[in-house]
Amino acid sequence: MTRILLAMLLLAGFWAVPALAQTKVGDWEVEKRSGDDHCNAARAYTDKDDDNSDYVIVLSYSKEAIVVAVIYDGWGWEKVGKILLADVGTDDKDIMKKAKWEVVDKTAIRGTFEFQQSILDKLAKAKLLTIDFEDDEDNSVEIKIPRMGEALAALKFCEENKK
C-alpha cells in the first residue's frame, strides 16, 4: 500500500503544474504542462508479477533529444547525479549499448539520448523496455509499455500542435 502511495505522490509532482493539452491513451497520459517546452507521455503501474512493485515511465522528445525518466520503488540509488551505464532494449530489439543514465533520486533515473527516429520506431512496436545495468543485475528492470505506439502518436500530435 505504501508503494502505491509513493507512486501517486511521485505522479502528483509530475502533474502539479497545470496541463495545457492533455489526452489519455490507455493508461498513458500525454500532455504539455505550462512550465515545459515539450509534451510528455507518462505511465504509472503496479506490477503484480514483481511483488507489487510500482513503476513510472515518462518519455519526451524534441528534434535534438529523447528523454526517458524511470521511477521504480525497488531501487535504492545512493548518489544523486551518478552516471550509470546500461544496455537498453525492447522485448525483441536492442536499442542502445552502454547508454548513460543519471540518478535523479533514490528511486529514479533519467536518460537523455540524441534524437534518432529509429529509437522511437523500436519503442512503438514494443511491449517491454529493458534496462540492463552493467555489472548490476539486481537493479536491471523490465518496464511494461503497452500501447506505446499509440502513446507516441499522441505525443507526436501534442508536439506538433503545442503553443
C-alpha atoms as a PDB file:
ATOM      1  CA  MET A   1       0.000   0.000   0.000  1.00  0.00           C
ATOM      2  CA  THR A   2       2.855   2.391   0.768  1.00  0.00           C
ATOM      3  CA  ARG A   3       4.286   1.699  -2.692  1.00  0.00           C
ATOM      4  CA  ILE A   4       1.065   2.801  -4.335  1.00  0.00           C
ATOM      5  CA  LEU A   5       1.041   5.940  -2.184  1.00  0.00           C
ATOM      6  CA  LEU A   6       4.652   6.652  -3.166  1.00  0.00           C
ATOM      7  CA  ALA A   7       3.858   6.268  -6.862  1.00  0.00           C
ATOM      8  CA  MET A   8       0.824   8.527  -6.503  1.00  0.00           C
ATOM      9  CA  LEU A   9       2.924  11.185  -4.773  1.00  0.00           C
ATOM     10  CA  LEU A  10       5.588  10.997  -7.477  1.00  0.00           C
ATOM     11  CA  LEU A  11       2.965  11.312 -10.191  1.00  0.00           C
ATOM     12  CA  ALA A  12       1.385  14.230  -8.361  1.00  0.00           C
ATOM     13  CA  GLY A  13       4.718  16.008  -8.639  1.00  0.00           C
ATOM     14  CA  PHE A  14       4.767  15.428 -12.398  1.00  0.00           C
ATOM     15  CA  TRP A  15       1.238  16.705 -12.726  1.00  0.00           C
ATOM     16  CA  ALA A  16       1.328  19.517 -10.163  1.00  0.00           C
ATOM     17  CA  VAL A  17       1.790  22.086 -12.920  1.00  0.00           C
ATOM     18  CA  PRO A  18      -1.414  22.622 -14.908  1.00  0.00           C
ATOM     19  CA  ALA A  19      -1.517  20.921 -18.268  1.00  0.00           C
ATOM     20  CA  LEU A  20      -2.160  22.973 -21.396  1.00  0.00           C
ATOM     21  CA  ALA A  21      -3.070  19.984 -23.533  1.00  0.00           C
ATOM     22  CA  GLN A  22      -3.828  16.541 -22.230  1.00  0.00           C
ATOM     23  CA  THR A  23      -5.076  13.224 -23.559  1.00  0.00           C
ATOM     24  CA  LYS A  24      -5.219   9.602 -22.400  1.00  0.00           C
ATOM     25  CA  VAL A  25      -4.133   6.599 -24.409  1.00  0.00           C
ATOM     26  CA  GLY A  26      -4.980   3.512 -22.364  1.00  0.00           C
ATOM     27  CA  ASP A  27      -3.231   4.236 -19.077  1.00  0.00           C
ATOM     28  CA  TRP A  28      -0.749   6.670 -20.671  1.00  0.00           C
ATOM     29  CA  GLU A  29      -1.178  10.405 -20.003  1.00  0.00           C
ATOM     30  CA  VAL A  30       0.082  12.607 -22.836  1.00  0.00           C
ATOM     31  CA  GLU A  31       0.323  16.293 -22.005  1.00  0.00           C
ATOM     32  CA  LYS A  32       2.144  19.576 -22.275  1.00  0.00           C
ATOM     33  CA  ARG A  33       2.460  21.289 -18.933  1.00  0.00           C
ATOM     34  CA  SER A  34       2.622  25.074 -18.829  1.00  0.00           C
ATOM     35  CA  GLY A  35       6.173  25.109 -17.446  1.00  0.00           C
ATOM     36  CA  ASP A  36       7.568  22.687 -20.036  1.00  0.00           C
ATOM     37  CA  ASP A  37       8.878  23.308 -23.547  1.00  0.00           C
ATOM     38  CA  HIS A  38       7.825  19.866 -24.771  1.00  0.00           C
ATOM     39  CA  CYS A  39       4.998  17.375 -24.366  1.00  0.00           C
ATOM     40  CA  ASN A  40       5.487  14.137 -22.450  1.00  0.00           C
ATOM     41  CA  ALA A  41       3.885  10.719 -22.201  1.00  0.00           C
ATOM     42  CA  ALA A  42       3.709   9.119 -18.755  1.00  0.00           C
ATOM     43  CA  ARG A  43       2.539   5.762 -17.461  1.00  0.00           C
ATOM     44  CA  ALA A  44       2.368   4.513 -13.875  1.00  0.00           C
ATOM     45  CA  TYR A  45       1.502   0.985 -12.862  1.00  0.00           C
ATOM     46  CA  THR A  46       1.869  -1.613 -10.139  1.00  0.00           C
ATOM     47  CA  ASP A  47       3.386  -4.878 -11.355  1.00  0.00           C
ATOM     48  CA  LYS A  48       1.681  -7.801  -9.636  1.00  0.00           C
ATOM     49  CA  ASP A  49       4.276 -10.149 -11.208  1.00  0.00           C
ATOM     50  CA  ASP A  50       7.077  -8.215  -9.438  1.00  0.00           C
ATOM     51  CA  ASP A  51       5.987  -8.238  -5.773  1.00  0.00           C
ATOM     52  CA  ASN A  52       3.526  -5.390  -6.437  1.00  0.00           C
ATOM     53  CA  SER A  53       6.382  -3.041  -7.348  1.00  0.00           C
ATOM     54  CA  ASP A  54       5.465   0.414  -8.610  1.00  0.00           C
ATOM     55  CA  TYR A  55       6.839   1.814 -11.863  1.00  0.00           C
ATOM     56  CA  VAL A  56       6.542   5.168 -13.597  1.00  0.00           C
ATOM     57  CA  ILE A  57       7.933   5.920 -17.055  1.00  0.00           C
ATOM     58  CA  VAL A  58       7.939   9.369 -18.646  1.00  0.00           C
ATOM     59  CA  LEU A  59       9.072   9.961 -22.232  1.00  0.00           C
ATOM     60  CA  SER A  60       9.589  13.253 -24.032  1.00  0.00           C
ATOM     61  CA  TYR A  61      11.413  14.227 -27.189  1.00  0.00           C
ATOM     62  CA  SER A  62      12.443  17.122 -29.389  1.00  0.00           C
ATOM     63  CA  LYS A  63      14.392  17.407 -32.648  1.00  0.00           C
ATOM     64  CA  GLU A  64      17.579  17.220 -30.575  1.00  0.00           C
ATOM     65  CA  ALA A  65      16.937  14.611 -27.876  1.00  0.00           C
ATOM     66  CA  ILE A  66      14.820  11.806 -26.484  1.00  0.00           C
ATOM     67  CA  VAL A  67      14.460  11.874 -22.707  1.00  0.00           C
ATOM     68  CA  VAL A  68      13.265   8.875 -20.702  1.00  0.00           C
ATOM     69  CA  ALA A  69      12.740   9.007 -16.932  1.00  0.00           C
ATOM     70  CA  VAL A  70      12.028   5.847 -14.942  1.00  0.00           C
ATOM     71  CA  ILE A  71      10.916   5.595 -11.343  1.00  0.00           C
ATOM     72  CA  TYR A  72      10.989   2.173  -9.692  1.00  0.00           C
ATOM     73  CA  ASP A  73      10.314   1.702  -5.997  1.00  0.00           C
ATOM     74  CA  GLY A  74      12.701  -1.267  -5.868  1.00  0.00           C
ATOM     75  CA  TRP A  75      15.763   0.899  -6.461  1.00  0.00           C
ATOM     76  CA  GLY A  76      17.833   2.448  -3.714  1.00  0.00           C
ATOM     77  CA  TRP A  77      20.399   4.595  -5.517  1.00  0.00           C
ATOM     78  CA  GLU A  78      22.714   6.297  -3.063  1.00  0.00           C
ATOM     79  CA  LYS A  79      24.300   9.104  -5.063  1.00  0.00           C
ATOM     80  CA  VAL A  80      22.235  11.681  -6.947  1.00  0.00           C
ATOM     81  CA  GLY A  81      23.979  12.716 -10.157  1.00  0.00           C
ATOM     82  CA  LYS A  82      25.834   9.418 -10.540  1.00  0.00           C
ATOM     83  CA  ILE A  83      26.069   8.224 -14.151  1.00  0.00           C
ATOM     84  CA  LEU A  84      25.127   4.589 -14.756  1.00  0.00           C
ATOM     85  CA  LEU A  85      25.740   2.588 -17.925  1.00  0.00           C
ATOM     86  CA  ALA A  86      23.090   0.204 -19.208  1.00  0.00           C
ATOM     87  CA  ASP A  87      22.128  -1.637 -22.348  1.00  0.00           C
ATOM     88  CA  VAL A  88      18.659  -0.564 -23.450  1.00  0.00           C
ATOM     89  CA  GLY A  89      16.324  -2.696 -25.476  1.00  0.00           C
ATOM     90  CA  THR A  90      12.790  -3.857 -26.023  1.00  0.00           C
ATOM     91  CA  ASP A  91      11.244  -7.280 -25.838  1.00  0.00           C
ATOM     92  CA  ASP A  92      12.853  -8.182 -29.164  1.00  0.00           C
ATOM     93  CA  LYS A  93      15.253  -5.414 -30.283  1.00  0.00           C
ATOM     94  CA  ASP A  94      18.432  -3.830 -28.971  1.00  0.00           C
ATOM     95  CA  ILE A  95      18.210  -0.044 -28.878  1.00  0.00           C
ATOM     96  CA  MET A  96      21.486   1.127 -27.403  1.00  0.00           C
ATOM     97  CA  LYS A  97      24.565  -0.370 -25.741  1.00  0.00           C
ATOM     98  CA  LYS A  98      26.116   1.330 -22.702  1.00  0.00           C
ATOM     99  CA  ALA A  99      23.583   4.153 -22.621  1.00  0.00           C
ATOM    100  CA  LYS A 100      24.182   6.784 -19.941  1.00  0.00           C
ATOM    101  CA  TRP A 101      21.545   7.183 -17.230  1.00  0.00           C
ATOM    102  CA  GLU A 102      21.710   9.796 -14.491  1.00  0.00           C
ATOM    103  CA  VAL A 103      20.486   9.050 -10.964  1.00  0.00           C
ATOM    104  CA  VAL A 104      17.839  11.684 -10.182  1.00  0.00           C
ATOM    105  CA  ASP A 105      16.960  10.455  -6.691  1.00  0.00           C
ATOM    106  CA  LYS A 106      16.810   7.247  -4.660  1.00  0.00           C
ATOM    107  CA  THR A 107      14.258   5.609  -6.971  1.00  0.00           C
ATOM    108  CA  ALA A 108      14.596   7.499 -10.266  1.00  0.00           C
ATOM    109  CA  ILE A 109      16.922   7.669 -13.262  1.00  0.00           C
ATOM    110  CA  ARG A 110      16.881   9.740 -16.444  1.00  0.00           C
ATOM    111  CA  GLY A 111      18.411   9.015 -19.824  1.00  0.00           C
ATOM    112  CA  THR A 112      18.925  11.753 -22.401  1.00  0.00           C
ATOM    113  CA  PHE A 113      19.749  10.435 -25.841  1.00  0.00           C
ATOM    114  CA  GLU A 114      20.461  12.073 -29.182  1.00  0.00           C
ATOM    115  CA  PHE A 115      17.266  12.051 -31.231  1.00  0.00           C
ATOM    116  CA  GLN A 116      17.019   9.116 -33.614  1.00  0.00           C
ATOM    117  CA  GLN A 117      13.703   8.191 -35.195  1.00  0.00           C
ATOM    118  CA  SER A 118      14.780   4.539 -35.144  1.00  0.00           C
ATOM    119  CA  ILE A 119      14.648   4.584 -31.314  1.00  0.00           C
ATOM    120  CA  LEU A 120      11.043   5.772 -31.353  1.00  0.00           C
ATOM    121  CA  ASP A 121      10.194   3.238 -34.077  1.00  0.00           C
ATOM    122  CA  LYS A 122      11.528   0.359 -31.943  1.00  0.00           C
ATOM    123  CA  LEU A 123       9.700   1.611 -28.850  1.00  0.00           C
ATOM    124  CA  ALA A 124       6.450   1.960 -30.809  1.00  0.00           C
ATOM    125  CA  LYS A 125       6.402  -1.767 -31.553  1.00  0.00           C
ATOM    126  CA  ALA A 126       7.463  -2.919 -28.068  1.00  0.00           C
ATOM    127  CA  LYS A 127       5.636  -4.262 -25.060  1.00  0.00           C
ATOM    128  CA  LEU A 128       8.678  -4.060 -22.739  1.00  0.00           C
ATOM    129  CA  LEU A 129      11.523  -1.619 -22.235  1.00  0.00           C
ATOM    130  CA  THR A 130      14.585  -3.306 -20.757  1.00  0.00           C
ATOM    131  CA  ILE A 131      17.349  -1.503 -18.894  1.00  0.00           C
ATOM    132  CA  ASP A 132      20.251  -3.868 -18.190  1.00  0.00           C
ATOM    133  CA  PHE A 133      22.819  -2.168 -15.970  1.00  0.00           C
ATOM    134  CA  GLU A 134      26.454  -3.028 -16.433  1.00  0.00           C
ATOM    135  CA  ASP A 135      27.667  -5.279 -13.587  1.00  0.00           C
ATOM    136  CA  ASP A 136      24.412  -4.751 -11.647  1.00  0.00           C
ATOM    137  CA  GLU A 137      21.859  -7.466 -12.373  1.00  0.00           C
ATOM    138  CA  ASP A 138      19.877  -6.641  -9.197  1.00  0.00           C
ATOM    139  CA  ASN A 139      18.909  -3.183 -10.466  1.00  0.00           C
ATOM    140  CA  SER A 140      18.200  -4.169 -14.079  1.00  0.00           C
ATOM    141  CA  VAL A 141      14.498  -3.817 -14.939  1.00  0.00           C
ATOM    142  CA  GLU A 142      11.819  -4.570 -17.499  1.00  0.00           C
ATOM    143  CA  ILE A 143       9.191  -1.833 -17.740  1.00  0.00           C
ATOM    144  CA  LYS A 144       5.864  -2.726 -19.318  1.00  0.00           C
ATOM    145  CA  ILE A 145       4.966  -0.287 -22.115  1.00  0.00           C
ATOM    146  CA  PRO A 146       1.694  -1.494 -23.661  1.00  0.00           C
ATOM    147  CA  ARG A 147       0.184   0.742 -26.352  1.00  0.00           C
ATOM    148  CA  MET A 148       3.454   2.665 -26.621  1.00  0.00           C
ATOM    149  CA  GLY A 149       2.918   3.144 -30.359  1.00  0.00           C
ATOM    150  CA  GLU A 150      -0.392   4.894 -29.712  1.00  0.00           C
ATOM    151  CA  ALA A 151       1.134   6.954 -26.904  1.00  0.00           C
ATOM    152  CA  LEU A 152       3.977   8.031 -29.224  1.00  0.00           C
ATOM    153  CA  ALA A 153       1.466   9.011 -31.919  1.00  0.00           C
ATOM    154  CA  ALA A 154      -0.404  11.147 -29.375  1.00  0.00           C
ATOM    155  CA  LEU A 155       2.919  12.587 -28.184  1.00  0.00           C
ATOM    156  CA  LYS A 156       3.865  13.496 -31.765  1.00  0.00           C
ATOM    157  CA  PHE A 157       0.469  15.163 -32.255  1.00  0.00           C
ATOM    158  CA  CYS A 158       0.936  17.080 -28.993  1.00  0.00           C
ATOM    159  CA  GLU A 159       4.419  18.237 -30.067  1.00  0.00           C
ATOM    160  CA  GLU A 160       3.211  19.349 -33.490  1.00  0.00           C
ATOM    161  CA  ASN A 161       0.290  21.288 -32.018  1.00  0.00           C
ATOM    162  CA  LYS A 162       1.763  22.791 -28.871  1.00  0.00           C
ATOM    163  CA  LYS A 163       1.553  26.519 -28.385  1.00  0.00           C
END
